[in-house]
Amino acid sequence: QVHMVESGGGLVQPGGFLTLSCAASGIIFRFNAMGWYRQAPGKQRELVARLSSGGFPNYEDSVKGRFAISRDSAKNTMYLQMNSLKPEDTAVYYCNRVPADDNSWGQGTQVTVSS
């Protein structure tokens, strides 16, 4: 079974920074593309950052240059470094494979960017 546990969210002011963590089980990173998704109130879930099985990152334009996705294969943990946060980054953030395994969504972690 694939299991994801997201953590690290919280309340931050615009321009602030935050790092999210995803503890993954049942996944071997070098064999799977992984990603961070987010869902804002009233909107569909979207993929914002992707890390290929080879470790190559890609980003949605809205976060490019501000977010950085990375992984620690030894710990089976994935990270999302978020900088220069904007109110529109407010969402519940999830990790999953890319494309997503619909049976493997975790609870997500709430990120709220507000002054």
Protein backbone atom coordinates (compact mmCIF):
# COMPACT_ATOMS: atom_id res chain seq x y z
CA GLN A 1 0.00 0.00 0.00
CA VAL A 2 1.10 3.52 -0.77
CA HIS A 3 0.85 5.93 2.14
CA MET A 4 1.63 9.64 2.22
CA VAL A 5 1.88 11.84 5.30
CA GLU A 6 2.24 15.57 4.71
CA SER A 7 3.42 18.01 7.34
CA GLY A 8 4.91 21.46 7.79
CA GLY A 9 2.01 23.70 6.88
CA GLY A 10 0.91 26.71 8.84
CA LEU A 11 0.10 30.38 8.79
CA VAL A 12 2.61 32.69 7.17
CA GLN A 13 2.55 36.31 6.02
CA PRO A 14 2.92 37.27 2.37
CA GLY A 15 6.56 37.17 1.38
CA GLY A 16 7.30 34.53 3.97
CA PHE A 17 8.67 31.05 3.58
CA LEU A 18 7.73 27.54 4.60
CA THR A 19 9.00 24.02 3.96
CA LEU A 20 6.63 21.09 3.62
CA SER A 21 7.55 17.46 4.13
CA CYS A 22 6.03 14.29 2.74
CA ALA A 23 6.83 10.97 4.34
CA ALA A 24 6.12 8.31 1.75
CA SER A 25 5.79 4.57 2.13
CA GLY A 26 5.28 1.95 -0.52
CA ILE A 27 7.09 4.10 -3.07
CA ILE A 28 10.58 3.90 -4.51
CA PHE A 29 11.41 7.37 -5.72
CA ARG A 30 13.83 6.32 -8.43
CA PHE A 31 11.02 4.36 -10.08
CA ASN A 32 8.28 6.98 -9.73
CA ALA A 33 7.68 10.56 -10.66
CA MET A 34 6.42 12.42 -7.61
CA GLY A 35 4.67 15.71 -7.13
CA TRP A 36 3.16 18.27 -4.83
CA TYR A 37 -0.45 19.16 -5.45
CA ARG A 38 -2.60 21.81 -3.87
CA GLN A 39 -6.29 22.55 -3.62
CA ALA A 40 -7.58 25.99 -2.77
CA PRO A 41 -11.14 26.59 -1.57
CA GLY A 42 -13.59 26.35 -4.45
CA LYS A 43 -10.95 25.18 -6.90
CA GLN A 44 -9.81 21.88 -8.31
CA ARG A 45 -6.64 20.22 -7.15
CA GLU A 46 -3.64 21.18 -9.25
CA LEU A 47 -0.11 19.91 -9.63
CA VAL A 48 2.36 22.63 -8.74
CA ALA A 49 5.68 20.80 -8.61
CA ARG A 50 6.92 17.57 -10.12
CA LEU A 51 10.07 15.55 -9.55
CA SER A 52 10.89 12.91 -12.13
CA SER A 53 12.10 9.46 -11.17
CA GLY A 54 15.53 10.70 -12.16
CA GLY A 55 15.23 13.70 -9.86
CA PHE A 56 14.51 16.39 -12.44
CA PRO A 57 12.08 19.08 -11.22
CA ASN A 58 9.34 20.92 -13.06
CA TYR A 59 6.99 23.62 -11.81
CA GLU A 60 3.70 25.22 -12.58
CA ASP A 61 4.26 28.75 -13.83
CA SER A 62 2.52 30.25 -10.82
CA VAL A 63 5.18 28.89 -8.45
CA LYS A 64 8.22 28.72 -10.71
CA GLY A 65 11.16 30.54 -9.19
CA ARG A 66 9.59 30.51 -5.73
CA PHE A 67 9.13 26.83 -4.91
CA ALA A 68 11.69 24.03 -4.92
CA ILE A 69 10.87 20.33 -4.83
CA SER A 70 13.42 17.83 -3.58
CA ARG A 71 13.70 14.37 -2.09
CA ASP A 72 15.76 12.33 0.33
CA SER A 73 15.59 8.79 -0.98
CA ALA A 74 17.26 7.31 2.09
CA LYS A 75 14.50 8.73 4.27
CA ASN A 76 11.78 8.24 1.64
CA THR A 77 10.81 11.83 2.22
CA MET A 78 9.96 14.57 -0.24
CA TYR A 79 10.10 18.30 0.43
CA LEU A 80 8.66 21.49 -0.94
CA GLN A 81 10.52 24.68 -0.11
CA MET A 82 8.22 27.64 -0.58
CA ASN A 83 9.52 31.18 -0.69
CA SER A 84 8.00 34.58 -1.41
CA LEU A 85 4.61 33.21 -0.51
CA LYS A 86 1.51 34.90 -1.84
CA PRO A 87 -2.09 34.83 -0.63
CA GLU A 88 -3.02 32.80 -3.71
CA ASP A 89 -0.71 30.05 -2.46
CA THR A 90 -3.24 29.39 0.30
CA ALA A 91 -4.39 25.80 -0.09
CA VAL A 92 -4.18 22.31 1.28
CA TYR A 93 -0.99 20.76 -0.05
CA TYR A 94 -0.70 17.07 -0.89
CA CYS A 95 1.98 14.77 -2.19
CA ASN A 96 1.41 11.89 -4.55
CA ARG A 97 2.80 10.17 -7.59
CA VAL A 98 2.54 11.82 -10.99
CA PRO A 99 0.10 10.93 -12.38
CA ALA A 100 -1.69 10.68 -9.06
CA ASP A 101 -2.77 7.44 -7.47
CA ASP A 102 -6.31 8.26 -6.39
CA ASN A 103 -6.15 5.67 -3.64
CA SER A 104 -3.08 7.23 -2.04
CA TRP A 105 -4.09 10.77 -1.08
CA GLY A 106 -3.10 11.73 2.42
CA GLN A 107 -4.75 14.29 4.66
CA GLY A 108 -2.64 17.10 3.27
CA THR A 109 -1.24 20.04 5.16
CA GLN A 110 -2.84 23.47 5.27
CA VAL A 111 -0.86 26.47 4.12
CA THR A 112 -2.42 29.85 4.79
CA VAL A 113 -0.77 33.00 3.51
CA SER A 114 -2.34 36.06 5.03
CA SER A 115 -1.43 39.34 6.65
